[in-house]
Protein backbone atom coordinates (compact mmCIF):
# COMPACT_ATOMS: atom_id res chain seq x y z
CA MET A 1 0.00 0.00 0.00
CA ALA A 2 1.23 3.48 -0.87
CA ARG A 3 0.12 7.04 -0.20
CA LEU A 4 -0.84 8.70 -3.48
CA LEU A 5 -1.51 12.42 -3.93
CA ILE A 6 -4.17 13.11 -6.59
CA VAL A 7 -3.97 16.64 -7.98
CA ASP A 8 -6.95 17.60 -10.12
CA ASP A 9 -9.31 20.57 -10.08
CA ASP A 10 -12.28 18.42 -11.13
CA PRO A 11 -13.93 17.04 -7.94
CA ASP A 12 -15.56 14.17 -9.82
CA ALA A 13 -12.23 13.17 -11.34
CA ARG A 14 -10.55 13.29 -7.91
CA ARG A 15 -13.27 11.16 -6.39
CA LEU A 16 -13.22 8.53 -9.15
CA ILE A 17 -9.44 8.28 -9.26
CA GLY A 18 -9.34 8.01 -5.47
CA LEU A 19 -12.01 5.33 -5.49
CA VAL A 20 -10.09 3.23 -8.02
CA LEU A 21 -6.82 3.54 -6.13
CA ARG A 22 -8.39 2.89 -2.73
CA ARG A 23 -9.93 -0.30 -4.08
CA ALA A 24 -6.44 -1.27 -5.21
CA GLY A 25 -5.29 -0.98 -1.59
CA HIS A 26 -3.71 2.48 -1.65
CA GLU A 27 -4.38 5.54 0.47
CA PRO A 28 -5.40 8.57 -1.64
CA LEU A 29 -4.75 12.18 -0.67
CA TYR A 30 -6.38 15.02 -2.59
CA ALA A 31 -5.46 18.51 -3.82
CA GLU A 32 -7.62 20.73 -6.00
CA ASP A 33 -4.85 23.09 -7.17
CA GLY A 34 -1.09 23.44 -7.36
CA PHE A 35 -0.69 25.46 -4.18
CA ARG A 36 -2.56 22.89 -2.10
CA ALA A 37 -0.61 20.11 -3.81
CA LEU A 38 2.75 21.57 -2.79
CA GLU A 39 1.51 22.07 0.75
CA LEU A 40 0.47 18.42 1.01
CA MET A 41 3.70 17.20 -0.57
CA GLU A 42 5.71 19.05 2.07
CA ARG A 43 3.56 17.88 4.96
CA GLU A 44 2.54 14.34 3.98
CA GLN A 45 5.47 13.23 1.79
CA PRO A 46 3.36 10.98 -0.48
CA ASP A 47 4.98 8.06 -2.26
CA LEU A 48 3.68 9.17 -5.67
CA VAL A 49 1.90 12.19 -7.18
CA ILE A 50 -0.76 11.86 -9.89
CA LEU A 51 -0.79 15.28 -11.50
CA ASP A 52 -3.19 16.94 -13.91
CA LEU A 53 -1.44 19.65 -15.96
CA MET A 54 -4.54 21.83 -16.42
CA LEU A 55 -4.92 23.44 -13.00
CA PRO A 56 -6.17 26.90 -11.97
CA GLY A 57 -3.72 29.45 -10.59
CA MET A 58 -0.60 27.29 -10.77
CA ASP A 59 -0.69 24.74 -13.57
CA GLY A 60 0.98 21.35 -13.55
CA PHE A 61 4.12 22.56 -15.32
CA GLU A 62 4.61 25.20 -12.61
CA VAL A 63 4.03 22.60 -9.91
CA LEU A 64 6.78 20.42 -11.39
CA GLU A 65 9.12 23.40 -11.58
CA ALA A 66 8.40 24.27 -7.94
CA MET A 67 9.11 20.66 -6.98
CA ARG A 68 12.41 20.79 -8.86
CA GLN A 69 13.50 23.81 -6.80
CA ARG A 70 12.73 22.21 -3.45
CA PRO A 71 15.31 19.61 -2.37
CA ASN A 72 12.82 17.55 -0.35
CA LEU A 73 10.43 17.33 -3.34
CA ALA A 74 12.87 17.20 -6.24
CA THR A 75 12.94 13.41 -6.41
CA MET A 76 9.27 12.74 -5.64
CA PRO A 77 7.90 10.57 -8.49
CA VAL A 78 5.04 11.86 -10.64
CA VAL A 79 2.51 10.32 -13.02
CA VAL A 80 1.06 12.96 -15.35
CA LEU A 81 -2.63 12.51 -16.13
CA THR A 82 -3.81 15.07 -18.65
CA ALA A 83 -5.95 15.78 -21.68
CA LYS A 84 -4.77 14.42 -25.01
CA ALA A 85 -4.21 17.94 -26.36
CA GLN A 86 -1.52 18.60 -23.74
CA LEU A 87 0.16 15.23 -23.85
CA GLY A 88 2.54 16.09 -26.70
CA SER A 89 3.94 19.20 -25.05
CA ALA A 90 4.25 17.38 -21.73
CA VAL A 91 6.23 14.49 -23.21
CA GLY A 92 8.30 16.84 -25.33
CA SER A 93 9.30 18.85 -22.28
CA LYS A 94 10.96 15.78 -20.68
CA LEU A 95 9.66 16.85 -17.32
CA MET A 96 11.73 15.88 -14.30
CA ASN A 97 10.56 12.97 -12.14
CA VAL A 98 7.66 12.15 -14.46
CA HIS A 99 7.69 8.37 -14.64
CA ALA A 100 4.59 7.94 -16.78
CA TYR A 101 2.06 9.87 -18.86
CA LEU A 102 -1.62 8.98 -19.05
CA THR A 103 -4.34 10.51 -21.21
CA LYS A 104 -7.81 11.33 -19.92
CA PRO A 105 -10.09 9.46 -19.81
CA VAL A 106 -8.08 6.54 -18.47
CA SER A 107 -9.45 3.11 -17.61
CA ALA A 108 -9.26 1.86 -14.04
CA GLU A 109 -7.11 -1.08 -15.15
CA THR A 110 -4.58 1.16 -16.91
CA LEU A 111 -4.40 3.56 -13.98
CA VAL A 112 -3.83 0.84 -11.38
CA HIS A 113 -1.32 -0.99 -13.59
CA THR A 114 0.68 2.20 -14.28
CA VAL A 115 0.75 3.20 -10.62
CA GLN A 116 1.92 -0.26 -9.62
CA GLU A 117 4.65 -0.24 -12.27
CA VAL A 118 5.97 3.10 -11.03
CA LEU A 119 5.86 2.02 -7.38
CA THR A 120 7.79 -1.12 -8.29
CA GLU A 121 10.30 0.93 -10.26
CA ILE A 122 10.99 3.41 -7.48
CA GLN A 123 11.10 0.63 -4.85
CA ILE A 124 9.55 2.38 -1.85
CA PRO A 125 11.94 1.60 1.05
CA ALA A 126 10.67 -0.54 3.90
CA SER A 127 11.25 2.36 6.27
CA ARG A 128 8.40 4.18 4.55
CA GLU A 129 5.93 1.40 5.34
CA ARG A 130 3.27 2.45 7.81
CA ARG A 131 1.88 0.03 10.36
CA ALA A 132 -1.89 -0.08 10.57
CA LEU A 133 -3.60 1.46 13.57
CA GLU A 134 -5.26 -1.51 15.27
CA ILE A 135 -8.35 -1.18 17.46
CA ALA A 136 -10.18 -3.97 19.31
CA CYS A 137 -13.87 -3.93 20.23
CA VAL A 138 -14.63 -6.37 23.05
CA GLU A 139 -17.69 -7.05 25.21
CA SER A 140 -17.48 -7.50 28.95
CA TRP A 141 -20.85 -9.28 28.82
CA PRO A 142 -22.57 -11.02 25.89
CA GLY A 143 -24.93 -8.71 24.05
CA CYS A 144 -23.16 -5.46 24.93
CA ALA A 145 -23.37 -4.19 21.34
CA GLY A 146 -19.75 -5.01 20.55
CA GLU A 147 -20.55 -6.06 16.99
CA LEU A 148 -22.54 -2.84 16.44
CA LEU A 149 -19.63 -0.73 17.68
CA ALA A 150 -17.04 -2.61 15.59
CA ALA A 151 -19.12 -2.38 12.41
CA ALA A 152 -19.94 1.31 12.85
CA LEU A 153 -16.36 2.24 13.71
CA ALA A 154 -14.94 0.28 10.77
CA ALA A 155 -17.42 1.75 8.30
CA ALA A 156 -16.81 5.30 9.53
CA LEU A 157 -13.01 4.92 9.46
CA ALA A 158 -13.22 3.52 5.92
CA GLU A 159 -14.41 6.94 4.76
CA HIS A 160 -10.93 8.25 5.63
CA ALA A 161 -8.52 5.40 4.81
CA PRO A 162 -8.56 1.71 3.83
CA THR A 163 -10.01 -0.21 6.76
CA LEU A 164 -10.22 -3.89 7.64
CA LEU A 165 -12.64 -5.50 10.08
CA ILE A 166 -11.23 -8.82 11.32
CA ASP A 167 -13.67 -11.01 13.22
CA VAL A 168 -11.99 -13.94 14.98
CA GLU A 169 -14.75 -14.49 17.54
CA GLY A 170 -15.73 -17.67 15.72
CA ASN A 171 -19.43 -17.00 15.23
CA GLY A 172 -19.45 -14.99 11.99
CA ARG A 173 -20.91 -11.82 13.51
CA GLY A 174 -18.46 -9.55 11.72
CA ALA A 175 -19.87 -10.70 8.39
CA PHE A 176 -23.50 -11.11 9.46
CA VAL A 177 -23.75 -7.52 10.68
CA PHE A 178 -23.10 -6.39 7.07
CA ASP A 179 -25.56 -8.97 5.71
CA LEU A 180 -22.66 -11.11 4.45
CA GLU A 181 -21.58 -14.70 5.03
CA PRO A 182 -18.09 -15.72 6.22
CA ARG A 183 -16.08 -16.50 3.10
CA MET A 184 -13.59 -18.91 4.64
CA SER A 185 -14.07 -22.07 6.68
CA LEU A 186 -11.91 -23.26 9.53
CA GLU A 187 -10.97 -26.33 7.48
CA GLU A 188 -9.68 -24.15 4.63
CA LEU A 189 -7.61 -22.05 7.01
CA GLU A 190 -6.17 -25.13 8.74
CA ALA A 191 -5.30 -26.58 5.31
CA GLY A 192 -3.10 -23.57 4.60
CA THR A 193 -5.43 -21.47 2.41
CA ASP A 194 -4.29 -17.84 2.16
CA PRO A 195 -6.44 -15.81 4.61
CA THR A 196 -6.81 -13.03 2.02
CA ARG A 197 -9.19 -15.32 0.13
CA GLY A 198 -11.66 -14.84 2.96
CA LEU A 199 -11.95 -11.08 2.51
CA GLY A 200 -15.28 -9.54 1.54
CA ALA A 201 -15.93 -5.90 0.61
CA PRO A 202 -19.33 -4.62 1.75
CA ARG A 203 -18.47 -1.05 0.68
CA ASP A 204 -15.70 1.13 -0.75
CA GLY A 205 -12.62 1.29 1.45
CA LEU A 206 -13.80 -1.46 3.82
CA GLN A 207 -12.97 -5.16 3.79
CA VAL A 208 -14.34 -7.74 6.23
CA TRP A 209 -12.79 -11.04 7.29
CA SER A 210 -14.92 -13.34 9.41
CA ILE A 211 -15.11 -17.02 10.31
CA ASP A 212 -17.90 -19.08 11.85
CA ARG A 213 -15.88 -21.25 14.23
CA PRO A 214 -13.25 -20.42 16.88
CA LEU A 215 -9.58 -20.25 15.87
CA GLY A 216 -6.56 -21.39 17.79
CA PRO A 217 -3.94 -18.76 18.72
CA ALA A 218 -1.51 -19.93 16.02
CA LEU A 219 -4.13 -19.43 13.30
CA VAL A 220 -4.94 -15.99 14.70
CA ASP A 221 -1.27 -15.08 14.38
CA ARG A 222 -1.28 -16.18 10.74
CA VAL A 223 -4.43 -14.19 9.98
CA ALA A 224 -2.91 -11.11 11.59
CA GLU A 225 0.40 -11.48 9.77
CA ARG A 226 -1.30 -11.87 6.39
CA LEU A 227 -4.12 -9.34 6.66
CA THR A 228 -3.09 -6.34 8.73
CA SER A 229 -0.84 -4.93 6.00
CA GLN A 230 -3.93 -4.57 3.78
CA ALA A 231 -5.24 -1.43 5.50
CA ARG A 232 -4.42 1.68 7.51
CA PHE A 233 -7.06 0.90 10.14
CA VAL A 234 -7.75 -2.59 11.50
CA VAL A 235 -10.77 -3.14 13.74
CA TRP A 236 -10.65 -6.47 15.58
CA MET A 237 -13.49 -8.53 17.04
CA PRO A 238 -11.51 -11.02 19.20
CA GLY A 239 -14.34 -12.43 21.33
CA ASP A 240 -13.91 -13.04 25.06
CA PRO A 241 -11.50 -10.29 26.21
CA LEU A 242 -9.85 -12.72 28.65
CA GLY A 243 -9.71 -15.65 26.23
CA PRO A 244 -6.68 -17.08 24.39
CA VAL A 245 -7.56 -15.40 21.08
CA ALA A 246 -7.84 -11.96 22.68
CA ALA A 247 -4.53 -12.61 24.44
CA ARG A 248 -2.95 -12.71 20.96
CA VAL A 249 -4.90 -9.79 19.52
CA LEU A 250 -5.13 -7.15 22.25
CA PRO A 251 -1.36 -6.59 22.74
CA ARG A 252 -1.24 -5.60 19.04
CA CYS A 253 -3.84 -2.89 19.48
CA GLN A 254 -3.28 0.78 20.17
CA ARG A 255 -6.85 1.12 21.45
CA VAL A 256 -9.18 -1.38 23.16
CA LEU A 257 -12.86 -0.41 23.45
CA LEU A 258 -14.51 -2.48 26.19
CA THR A 259 -18.32 -2.29 26.09
CA PHE A 260 -20.35 -2.95 29.21
CA GLU A 261 -23.88 -2.47 30.52
CA SER A 262 -24.77 -1.16 33.94
CA HIS A 263 -26.69 -4.11 35.38
CA GLY A 264 -25.04 -5.86 38.32
CA PRO A 265 -23.52 -8.85 36.49
CA GLY A 266 -22.33 -6.60 33.68
CA LEU A 267 -20.48 -4.27 36.05
CA ARG A 268 -18.93 -7.12 38.02
CA ARG A 269 -17.74 -8.74 34.79
CA ALA A 270 -16.38 -5.40 33.54
CA ARG A 271 -14.34 -5.02 36.73
CA ALA A 272 -12.98 -8.54 36.30
CA VAL A 273 -12.05 -7.88 32.67
CA LEU A 274 -10.28 -4.63 33.53
CA ARG A 275 -8.28 -6.41 36.26
CA GLY A 276 -7.46 -9.27 33.90
CA LEU A 277 -6.27 -6.97 31.15
CA GLU A 278 -4.16 -4.97 33.58
CA GLY A 279 -2.60 -8.22 34.73
CA ILE A 280 -1.26 -8.86 31.22
CA GLY A 281 -0.04 -5.29 30.82
CA ILE A 282 -3.03 -3.83 28.97
CA GLY A 283 -4.53 -0.92 30.88
CA LEU A 284 -5.07 2.79 30.68
CA PRO A 285 -4.83 4.69 28.41
CA ALA A 286 -5.10 1.90 25.81
CA VAL A 287 -8.31 0.48 27.32
CA GLU A 288 -11.41 2.63 27.10
CA SER A 289 -14.49 1.53 29.05
CA VAL A 290 -17.64 2.18 27.01
CA TRP A 291 -20.98 2.22 28.83
CA VAL A 292 -23.67 1.10 26.38
CA ARG A 293 -26.57 3.22 27.58
CA ARG A 294 -29.86 1.81 26.31
CA TRP A 295 -32.25 4.71 25.77
CA ALA A 296 -35.44 2.85 26.58
CA VAL A 297 -34.12 1.15 29.74
CA PRO A 298 -34.58 2.96 33.09
CA GLU A 299 -31.15 3.65 34.60
CA PRO A 300 -30.93 3.64 38.40
CA TRP A 301 -27.36 4.97 38.55
CA THR A 302 -25.61 8.10 37.35
CA GLU A 303 -22.44 8.03 35.30
CA ALA A 304 -20.42 9.03 38.38
CA GLN A 305 -21.88 6.11 40.37
CA ILE A 306 -21.12 3.67 37.55
CA ARG A 307 -17.56 4.98 37.30
CA HIS A 308 -17.16 4.47 41.05
CA ARG A 309 -18.37 0.86 40.72
CA LEU A 310 -15.63 0.34 38.13
CA ASN A 311 -12.98 1.53 40.61
CA ASP A 312 -13.09 5.09 39.23
CA VAL A 313 -11.72 4.32 35.78
CA PRO A 314 -12.72 6.87 33.10
CA ILE A 315 -15.75 5.82 31.09
CA ARG A 316 -17.45 7.04 27.94
CA THR A 317 -21.16 6.74 27.35
CA TRP A 318 -22.41 5.36 24.05
CA PRO A 319 -26.18 5.91 23.84
CA VAL A 320 -27.84 3.10 21.88
CA ASP A 321 -31.53 3.04 20.97
CA PRO A 322 -32.71 -0.62 20.90
CA VAL A 323 -35.06 0.12 18.00
CA THR A 324 -32.24 1.67 15.95
CA ALA A 325 -29.99 -1.27 16.83
CA TYR A 326 -32.62 -3.71 15.61
CA ARG A 327 -33.01 -1.76 12.35
CA ALA A 328 -29.25 -1.81 11.81
CA LEU A 329 -29.10 -5.57 12.17
CA GLN A 330 -32.23 -6.09 10.09
CA GLU A 331 -30.93 -3.92 7.23
CA GLY A 332 -27.28 -5.01 7.40
CA ARG A 333 -26.09 -1.42 7.89
CA PRO A 334 -23.87 0.23 10.52
CA ILE A 335 -25.96 1.67 13.33
CA HIS A 336 -24.67 5.24 12.94
CA GLU A 337 -26.05 5.37 9.40
CA ILE A 338 -29.61 4.55 10.49
CA GLU A 339 -30.03 7.83 12.41
CA PRO A 340 -27.05 10.01 11.35
CA GLU A 341 -27.86 12.88 13.74
CA SER A 342 -28.49 10.70 16.80
CA PRO A 343 -26.22 10.67 19.89
CA THR A 344 -25.22 7.16 18.79
CA ALA A 345 -23.84 8.49 15.51
CA ARG A 346 -22.24 11.55 17.08
CA ARG A 347 -20.21 9.38 19.43
CA ILE A 348 -18.94 7.30 16.51
CA ARG A 349 -17.85 10.50 14.74
CA GLU A 350 -16.04 11.62 17.90
CA TRP A 351 -14.05 8.38 18.02
CA VAL A 352 -13.19 8.68 14.34
CA GLU A 353 -12.01 12.28 14.80
CA GLU A 354 -9.67 11.06 17.54
CA LEU A 355 -8.33 8.08 15.60
CA VAL A 356 -7.77 9.51 12.10
CA PRO A 357 -4.87 11.82 13.12
CA LEU A 358 -3.05 8.83 14.64
CA ILE A 359 -2.26 7.14 11.31
């Protein structure tokens, strides 16, 4: 996967090019003019620039000249994507660092193939590889909306960068919540089948891997090794937070969202989980306790009282309407998309705003 800066003043062209490249596993960045392009090049240091020559204010030729004069941009590779009328003058100019020229309109296959050829040619060093930000969603008590949180978070993050939802609970929920079926059996995985063959894509930028029976820790390690390089965000569903699968997954994660409900057994189990995770070195600030607050259920305790019952750890409230949750499962859609202006959806957006700057 590479970071690719798309420079084009046509918003539809930017969107379509970005969609094609994201589906190919890359992370697109966008600039609508030359000035913004140079700003992003300096700040983000993309692996490759896809540059339209017909730009307002500062055209593509001027962008290339500006790059030539800046030492940190002078060797940044460029693919020129321009109208046929300008192609001759562009090629004739022998522009620096232009590795390929494409004429609009370009097919998705040609674009992806050309980008891959250039990336292979320039041999992006391993030091430029970026590790995915890995997040785990775990339930302290069965039915604490963990699958709803994982699906919503993954779908919302996918709007910003390639995202992978990996469900190793062993019951297929990660696929079912998107109205999909697990695409790989335990027998296939044990026989050595490449885990990537189990990926499904319910929407642009998001891939889902799920299985309908529990995995052993060794198989979880193989799934992680093979899949996590496919995305910038990885959302895990590892099942029992104190089980052997979670013991393999949670240490990988930069953030662990532990959902709980405020009934007596749920709080006692949440305390036990927090103690267990701390015992294996996973505690604050990586673990975030998420109180799933059911709107229609009378709540005898305040947030402060619930926090006290969890030994005063910080908690965040995630309001969940049972009717909206049922609709999400019935329609195979993430819960935050059912009522986009609800407190449920706002909390998902808050998490995404916190996580996106971390990649």
